Amino acid sequence: MFQGKMRTVAWVGFWLYTALTLFFLFVSFNRSSALPETGLRYHLAFDGIPLRFPDSGYSNLWIFNLGNYLAFVPFGLVIPLLIRCRFLPFLLVFLAAITGIELIQMVTHLGAFDVNDIVINTLGATVGYGSQRLIRRDRTTPGGLLKLLFSGAILTLTVYSAMSGLNHYLDHGHGEIKALDRLPLEHGKVQWEAQLNGFTAAQEQIKPAINLYSRDNPRSHEFSLRLDGQYKEITGNFAVPDDAIPAADSGSSRVIIRADGEELYSLNVNIVPGENQPLSFRVPLGGKQELTLAVFNDAADPRTHAVMWDLTLIEANAGQKLAARIHQLLGGG
C-alpha cells in the first residue's frame, strides 16, 4: 500500500481523477437537463460486453466502448493500494457506486440507466484490481508502478482479445443451415415444387438449388413455422417469372416476413416486363419463436405469380442461443 507522501499524492490524484470521470459522465458530450426529451431513459436488458477490435464503419462506437472500459481500470488499480480490501467487498462497493451514478444520470436527464454500461465499467475496474494483484512486491516504487501499468496493459489486451473473439463468434458464427421446406409447419399449408425446374426473371436465368415455392399456391397466402429461438436468420430469393407476365394486365407481388407478430422485412416486385428483377434477402431473426411468410398478388391473373427459391434457415450456434435466452430472461423481448 502507499505510505507517507506518496499516499497523500495518490489520494489527491485519485480524487482529481474521480472528479474528471464524473465531469465526463455528467457534463461533457453536450449533456443538458434542458433537452426536449424529459422522460426517463433506461435500458435494462444485458446485450453482451461490447469490446471488440476496430472494424470499418464502427470507429466511433469502438472508441466509445474502449473509453467506457479503460476509464474505470485505474479505480481497480489504485483503490486497493489506498485502502486494504478484498476483491468481493471492492466489487460490491464499486457496483453500488456505479449503479448509483447510472440512476443519477437517468433521473437528472443527463444520460440513461444502462445495464451494459454497468457491466463494462465493472469489468474495467475488475481488470484493474487483478492487475495490481499480479504484482506482489514493491508496488509503490517507481519500478513497481511501471510493473503495475505493464500488467494492466497485458491483462487488458488479454481480456479485450477474449471479448473481441467472443463477440465475433456471437455476431458471425452459425450452426446448421436447414432448407425451409424440410421443417414442419406451425400454421397453414404450402406447396413446394417436386422438381427444381429453372426459369427466367427479367431475362436472367434462375436455377433453384434447394427448394422452389410453387406457383400453384393461392394468390394470397401465408404459412408459419415454429422457430423456438433456434435460428439467427432466414435467407432466400424472390421474383416474378417472365412467363407469368404476359397473362397479367398489371399489378405487383409482395412478400412479408414476420416473426412473433412483428414485420421484419418486405419485398415488392412489379408484374411488368423488365421490372421483375430477382431480389435476394437475408433477414435476422434474433431468437424469435415463430416465423410467418405471407405472399400477396394483386394482378388480374388468378395464378400466383411470385415464386421464392433456395429458402433456408440458418441455425444459431450454442453461444447465440444462450445469449438470446439471457436477453429474453432479462426483459429484452
Protein backbone atom coordinates (compact mmCIF):
# COMPACT_ATOMS: atom_id res chain seq x y z
CA MET A 1 0.00 0.00 0.00
CA PHE A 2 1.02 3.63 -0.49
CA GLN A 3 2.74 5.20 2.50
CA GLY A 4 3.78 8.70 3.57
CA LYS A 5 3.91 11.45 0.95
CA MET A 6 3.19 9.03 -1.85
CA ARG A 7 -0.06 8.09 -0.12
CA THR A 8 -1.06 11.77 0.08
CA VAL A 9 -0.18 12.30 -3.59
CA ALA A 10 -2.11 9.16 -4.51
CA TRP A 11 -5.20 10.37 -2.63
CA VAL A 12 -5.06 13.76 -4.36
CA GLY A 13 -4.61 12.10 -7.75
CA PHE A 14 -7.47 9.70 -7.01
CA TRP A 15 -9.94 12.48 -6.17
CA LEU A 16 -8.87 14.57 -9.16
CA TYR A 17 -9.33 11.57 -11.46
CA THR A 18 -12.72 10.82 -9.86
CA ALA A 19 -13.81 14.43 -10.43
CA LEU A 20 -12.66 14.25 -14.06
CA THR A 21 -14.58 11.00 -14.58
CA LEU A 22 -17.75 12.50 -13.10
CA PHE A 23 -17.31 15.54 -15.34
CA PHE A 24 -17.32 13.29 -18.42
CA LEU A 25 -20.29 11.31 -17.08
CA PHE A 26 -22.49 14.31 -16.29
CA VAL A 27 -21.27 17.43 -18.10
CA SER A 28 -19.35 16.65 -21.29
CA PHE A 29 -20.70 15.45 -24.66
CA ASN A 30 -23.31 18.27 -24.69
CA ARG A 31 -25.31 16.76 -21.85
CA SER A 32 -28.04 19.07 -20.60
CA SER A 33 -31.10 18.77 -18.41
CA ALA A 34 -32.82 21.21 -20.78
CA LEU A 35 -33.07 18.64 -23.57
CA PRO A 36 -36.57 18.42 -25.14
CA GLU A 37 -36.92 14.79 -24.09
CA THR A 38 -37.83 14.74 -20.40
CA GLY A 39 -38.77 11.10 -19.97
CA LEU A 40 -36.59 8.70 -18.05
CA ARG A 41 -34.24 6.80 -20.32
CA TYR A 42 -33.11 3.31 -19.39
CA HIS A 43 -32.01 0.02 -20.90
CA LEU A 44 -32.40 -2.98 -18.60
CA ALA A 45 -31.55 -5.86 -20.97
CA PHE A 46 -27.98 -7.15 -20.96
CA ASP A 47 -26.80 -7.30 -24.60
CA GLY A 48 -23.26 -8.51 -24.02
CA ILE A 49 -19.88 -6.88 -23.44
CA PRO A 50 -19.26 -4.63 -26.49
CA LEU A 51 -15.47 -4.93 -26.56
CA ARG A 52 -14.09 -5.72 -29.99
CA PHE A 53 -11.21 -4.71 -32.19
CA PRO A 54 -11.99 -1.80 -34.55
CA ASP A 55 -13.88 -2.55 -37.75
CA SER A 56 -14.77 -0.39 -40.72
CA GLY A 57 -17.78 1.81 -40.10
CA TYR A 58 -17.76 1.41 -36.32
CA SER A 59 -14.76 3.55 -35.27
CA ASN A 60 -16.77 5.99 -33.11
CA LEU A 61 -18.60 3.17 -31.34
CA TRP A 62 -15.31 1.31 -30.81
CA ILE A 63 -13.67 4.40 -29.27
CA PHE A 64 -16.69 4.98 -27.00
CA ASN A 65 -16.77 1.39 -25.72
CA LEU A 66 -13.00 1.29 -25.24
CA GLY A 67 -13.12 4.54 -23.28
CA ASN A 68 -16.03 3.26 -21.20
CA TYR A 69 -13.83 0.29 -20.21
CA LEU A 70 -10.42 1.96 -19.79
CA ALA A 71 -11.77 4.87 -17.73
CA PHE A 72 -12.52 2.54 -14.80
CA VAL A 73 -9.34 0.42 -14.85
CA PRO A 74 -7.47 2.97 -12.65
CA PHE A 75 -10.07 2.59 -9.88
CA GLY A 76 -9.25 -1.12 -9.61
CA LEU A 77 -5.53 -0.37 -9.70
CA VAL A 78 -5.39 2.44 -7.13
CA ILE A 79 -8.14 1.82 -4.56
CA PRO A 80 -6.58 -1.43 -3.18
CA LEU A 81 -3.28 0.47 -2.81
CA LEU A 82 -5.03 3.17 -0.75
CA ILE A 83 -7.48 1.05 1.24
CA ARG A 84 -6.78 -2.56 2.11
CA CYS A 85 -9.71 -4.51 0.67
CA ARG A 86 -10.51 -7.94 -0.65
CA PHE A 87 -11.96 -8.44 -4.10
CA LEU A 88 -15.58 -9.20 -3.16
CA PRO A 89 -16.08 -6.12 -0.91
CA PHE A 90 -14.36 -3.99 -3.56
CA LEU A 91 -16.61 -5.38 -6.28
CA LEU A 92 -19.82 -4.88 -4.27
CA VAL A 93 -18.96 -1.30 -3.33
CA PHE A 94 -17.97 -0.47 -6.90
CA LEU A 95 -21.20 -1.99 -8.26
CA ALA A 96 -23.25 0.05 -5.78
CA ALA A 97 -21.39 3.24 -6.72
CA ILE A 98 -21.63 2.82 -10.49
CA THR A 99 -25.31 1.79 -10.23
CA GLY A 100 -25.97 4.94 -8.21
CA ILE A 101 -24.24 7.05 -10.86
CA GLU A 102 -26.35 5.46 -13.62
CA LEU A 103 -29.52 6.18 -11.62
CA ILE A 104 -28.50 9.81 -11.11
CA GLN A 105 -27.82 10.16 -14.84
CA MET A 106 -31.31 8.87 -15.54
CA VAL A 107 -33.29 10.99 -13.04
CA THR A 108 -31.38 14.19 -13.92
CA HIS A 109 -31.87 13.53 -17.67
CA LEU A 110 -28.10 13.75 -18.16
CA GLY A 111 -27.89 10.23 -19.51
CA ALA A 112 -29.57 6.85 -19.38
CA PHE A 113 -29.53 3.96 -16.95
CA ASP A 114 -27.86 1.19 -18.95
CA VAL A 115 -27.10 -2.27 -17.60
CA ASN A 116 -24.46 -2.74 -20.30
CA ASP A 117 -22.57 0.34 -19.10
CA ILE A 118 -22.55 -1.05 -15.56
CA VAL A 119 -21.13 -4.35 -16.80
CA ILE A 120 -18.37 -2.82 -18.93
CA ASN A 121 -17.40 -0.29 -16.21
CA THR A 122 -17.23 -3.08 -13.64
CA LEU A 123 -15.14 -5.23 -15.98
CA GLY A 124 -12.65 -2.37 -16.30
CA ALA A 125 -12.39 -1.99 -12.52
CA THR A 126 -12.07 -5.77 -12.11
CA VAL A 127 -9.19 -5.90 -14.60
CA GLY A 128 -7.51 -3.07 -12.71
CA TYR A 129 -7.87 -4.95 -9.43
CA GLY A 130 -6.49 -8.12 -10.99
CA SER A 131 -3.54 -6.20 -12.45
CA GLN A 132 -2.35 -4.92 -9.08
CA ARG A 133 -2.75 -8.40 -7.58
CA LEU A 134 -0.33 -9.79 -10.18
CA ILE A 135 2.46 -7.58 -8.77
CA ARG A 136 3.09 -8.72 -5.21
CA ARG A 137 6.23 -6.76 -4.26
CA ASP A 138 7.45 -3.14 -4.41
CA ARG A 139 4.17 -1.98 -5.94
CA THR A 140 4.57 1.60 -4.67
CA THR A 141 8.11 2.18 -6.01
CA PRO A 142 8.66 3.84 -9.42
CA GLY A 143 9.71 0.48 -10.85
CA GLY A 144 6.72 -1.21 -9.22
CA LEU A 145 4.35 1.37 -10.69
CA LEU A 146 5.73 0.64 -14.14
CA LYS A 147 5.15 -3.06 -13.50
CA LEU A 148 1.56 -2.27 -12.48
CA LEU A 149 0.99 -0.37 -15.72
CA PHE A 150 2.56 -3.19 -17.73
CA SER A 151 0.44 -5.86 -16.01
CA GLY A 152 -2.65 -3.73 -16.59
CA ALA A 153 -1.81 -3.42 -20.29
CA ILE A 154 -1.20 -7.17 -20.66
CA LEU A 155 -4.37 -8.13 -18.80
CA THR A 156 -6.39 -5.57 -20.75
CA LEU A 157 -5.08 -6.92 -24.06
CA THR A 158 -5.91 -10.46 -22.93
CA VAL A 159 -9.44 -9.57 -21.85
CA TYR A 160 -10.01 -7.40 -24.91
CA SER A 161 -8.85 -10.18 -27.25
CA ALA A 162 -11.07 -12.71 -25.50
CA MET A 163 -14.13 -10.42 -25.63
CA SER A 164 -13.46 -9.49 -29.26
CA GLY A 165 -13.20 -13.16 -30.22
CA LEU A 166 -16.37 -13.99 -28.30
CA ASN A 167 -18.27 -11.14 -29.97
CA HIS A 168 -17.09 -12.27 -33.40
CA TYR A 169 -18.34 -15.77 -32.58
CA LEU A 170 -21.70 -14.37 -31.46
CA ASP A 171 -22.01 -11.98 -34.43
CA HIS A 172 -20.79 -14.12 -37.31
CA GLY A 173 -20.83 -17.75 -36.22
CA HIS A 174 -23.71 -20.04 -37.05
CA GLY A 175 -24.86 -23.60 -36.75
CA GLU A 176 -26.54 -25.87 -39.28
CA ILE A 177 -28.24 -24.49 -42.41
CA LYS A 178 -31.69 -26.03 -42.96
CA ALA A 179 -33.98 -25.88 -46.01
CA LEU A 180 -37.30 -24.24 -45.21
CA ASP A 181 -39.33 -27.00 -46.90
CA ARG A 182 -37.81 -29.61 -44.56
CA LEU A 183 -39.28 -28.05 -41.42
CA PRO A 184 -42.77 -28.80 -40.07
CA LEU A 185 -45.42 -26.12 -40.37
CA GLU A 186 -47.00 -24.45 -37.34
CA HIS A 187 -49.93 -22.91 -39.25
CA GLY A 188 -51.23 -23.01 -42.83
CA LYS A 189 -50.16 -25.06 -45.84
CA VAL A 190 -47.60 -24.55 -48.57
CA GLN A 191 -46.73 -26.36 -51.79
CA TRP A 192 -43.16 -26.83 -52.96
CA GLU A 193 -42.21 -27.89 -56.48
CA ALA A 194 -41.19 -31.53 -56.66
CA GLN A 195 -38.72 -30.71 -59.45
CA LEU A 196 -36.45 -27.67 -59.28
CA ASN A 197 -37.02 -26.52 -62.85
CA GLY A 198 -35.24 -23.37 -63.92
CA PHE A 199 -36.96 -20.22 -65.21
CA THR A 200 -36.12 -16.68 -66.24
CA ALA A 201 -36.89 -13.42 -64.42
CA ALA A 202 -36.05 -10.11 -66.14
CA GLN A 203 -34.26 -12.25 -68.75
CA GLU A 204 -31.96 -13.67 -66.05
CA GLN A 205 -31.69 -17.44 -65.90
CA ILE A 206 -32.63 -18.79 -62.48
CA LYS A 207 -31.68 -22.30 -61.36
CA PRO A 208 -33.03 -23.18 -57.88
CA ALA A 209 -30.71 -25.49 -55.95
CA ILE A 210 -32.52 -26.13 -52.64
CA ASN A 211 -36.27 -25.58 -52.96
CA LEU A 212 -38.86 -23.75 -55.07
CA TYR A 213 -42.14 -22.21 -53.86
CA SER A 214 -44.87 -23.47 -56.19
CA ARG A 215 -46.98 -21.15 -58.36
CA ASP A 216 -49.90 -23.44 -57.54
CA ASN A 217 -50.17 -21.86 -54.08
CA PRO A 218 -53.09 -19.43 -53.58
CA ARG A 219 -52.70 -15.86 -54.81
CA SER A 220 -52.80 -14.52 -51.25
CA HIS A 221 -51.23 -17.00 -48.93
CA GLU A 222 -49.33 -17.30 -45.67
CA PHE A 223 -47.79 -20.04 -43.58
CA SER A 224 -45.90 -20.21 -40.28
CA LEU A 225 -43.08 -22.29 -38.82
CA ARG A 226 -42.05 -22.77 -35.20
CA LEU A 227 -38.52 -21.49 -34.52
CA ASP A 228 -38.22 -21.79 -30.72
CA GLY A 229 -35.37 -19.26 -30.75
CA GLN A 230 -33.09 -21.69 -32.57
CA TYR A 231 -32.36 -19.66 -35.72
CA LYS A 232 -30.41 -16.47 -36.35
CA GLU A 233 -31.59 -15.57 -39.87
CA ILE A 234 -33.60 -16.56 -42.93
CA THR A 235 -32.20 -16.26 -46.45
CA GLY A 236 -33.73 -16.70 -49.88
CA ASN A 237 -34.73 -15.19 -53.22
CA PHE A 238 -37.94 -13.75 -54.68
CA ALA A 239 -39.07 -12.88 -58.20
CA VAL A 240 -41.87 -13.00 -60.77
CA PRO A 241 -41.01 -15.42 -63.61
CA ASP A 242 -41.08 -13.92 -67.10
CA ASP A 243 -43.59 -16.49 -68.36
CA ALA A 244 -46.17 -15.26 -65.81
CA ILE A 245 -46.16 -11.69 -67.02
CA PRO A 246 -47.85 -11.90 -70.48
CA ALA A 247 -51.04 -13.29 -68.89
CA ALA A 248 -51.27 -10.39 -66.47
CA ASP A 249 -52.51 -6.89 -67.10
CA SER A 250 -50.51 -5.23 -64.36
CA GLY A 251 -50.02 -5.40 -60.64
CA SER A 252 -47.43 -6.47 -58.14
CA SER A 253 -46.36 -9.35 -55.95
CA ARG A 254 -45.28 -8.83 -52.38
CA VAL A 255 -43.75 -10.99 -49.67
CA ILE A 256 -43.85 -10.02 -45.99
CA ILE A 257 -41.65 -11.76 -43.43
CA ARG A 258 -42.92 -11.60 -39.86
CA ALA A 259 -41.63 -13.10 -36.62
CA ASP A 260 -43.59 -13.20 -33.38
CA GLY A 261 -46.17 -10.86 -34.93
CA GLU A 262 -43.57 -8.20 -35.87
CA GLU A 263 -42.92 -7.35 -39.51
CA LEU A 264 -39.21 -7.77 -40.14
CA TYR A 265 -38.92 -7.34 -43.88
CA SER A 266 -40.98 -6.92 -47.05
CA LEU A 267 -40.22 -7.25 -50.76
CA ASN A 268 -42.26 -5.95 -53.68
CA VAL A 269 -41.92 -6.82 -57.40
CA ASN A 270 -43.93 -5.26 -60.24
CA ILE A 271 -45.62 -7.64 -62.68
CA VAL A 272 -44.44 -5.61 -65.66
CA PRO A 273 -41.93 -6.71 -68.30
CA GLY A 274 -38.43 -5.55 -67.36
CA GLU A 275 -39.39 -4.62 -63.80
CA ASN A 276 -39.35 -8.07 -62.22
CA GLN A 277 -35.68 -8.33 -61.29
CA PRO A 278 -34.90 -11.12 -58.79
CA LEU A 279 -34.42 -9.98 -55.20
CA SER A 280 -32.30 -11.70 -52.56
CA PHE A 281 -32.84 -11.30 -48.85
CA ARG A 282 -31.12 -12.14 -45.57
CA VAL A 283 -33.24 -11.27 -42.55
CA PRO A 284 -32.02 -11.54 -38.92
CA LEU A 285 -34.36 -13.47 -36.65
CA GLY A 286 -32.67 -12.78 -33.32
CA GLY A 287 -34.04 -15.71 -31.33
CA LYS A 288 -37.68 -15.30 -32.44
CA GLN A 289 -40.15 -18.05 -31.62
CA GLU A 290 -42.35 -18.18 -34.75
CA LEU A 291 -41.79 -17.22 -38.39
CA THR A 292 -44.55 -16.28 -40.84
CA LEU A 293 -44.22 -15.73 -44.60
CA ALA A 294 -47.13 -14.00 -46.35
CA VAL A 295 -47.42 -13.69 -50.15
CA PHE A 296 -49.82 -11.22 -51.82
CA ASN A 297 -50.56 -10.91 -55.55
CA ASP A 298 -52.93 -8.22 -56.83
CA ALA A 299 -52.71 -8.91 -60.59
CA ALA A 300 -55.72 -9.99 -62.61
CA ASP A 301 -54.36 -13.42 -63.42
CA PRO A 302 -55.75 -15.97 -60.92
CA ARG A 303 -52.50 -17.85 -60.54
CA THR A 304 -49.84 -16.93 -58.04
CA HIS A 305 -47.10 -15.14 -59.94
CA ALA A 306 -44.43 -14.71 -57.29
CA VAL A 307 -42.03 -17.52 -56.54
CA MET A 308 -39.40 -17.94 -53.87
CA TRP A 309 -36.47 -20.28 -54.04
CA ASP A 310 -33.49 -21.51 -52.03
CA LEU A 311 -35.17 -20.54 -48.77
CA THR A 312 -33.04 -21.54 -45.80
CA LEU A 313 -32.93 -21.02 -42.06
CA ILE A 314 -29.50 -20.54 -40.51
CA GLU A 315 -29.38 -22.07 -37.06
CA ALA A 316 -27.83 -20.11 -34.22
CA ASN A 317 -24.72 -21.55 -32.60
CA ALA A 318 -24.64 -22.51 -28.92
CA GLY A 319 -23.40 -19.11 -27.80
CA GLN A 320 -26.05 -17.23 -29.76
CA LYS A 321 -28.80 -19.44 -28.33
CA LEU A 322 -27.55 -18.82 -24.80
CA ALA A 323 -27.26 -15.06 -25.41
CA ALA A 324 -30.80 -14.93 -26.83
CA ARG A 325 -32.09 -16.82 -23.80
CA ILE A 326 -30.36 -14.46 -21.37
CA HIS A 327 -31.63 -11.46 -23.32
CA GLN A 328 -35.19 -12.81 -23.13
CA LEU A 329 -34.96 -13.56 -19.41
CA LEU A 330 -33.66 -10.06 -18.68
CA GLY A 331 -36.53 -8.40 -20.46
CA GLY A 332 -35.07 -7.94 -23.92
CA GLY A 333 -38.18 -9.38 -25.59
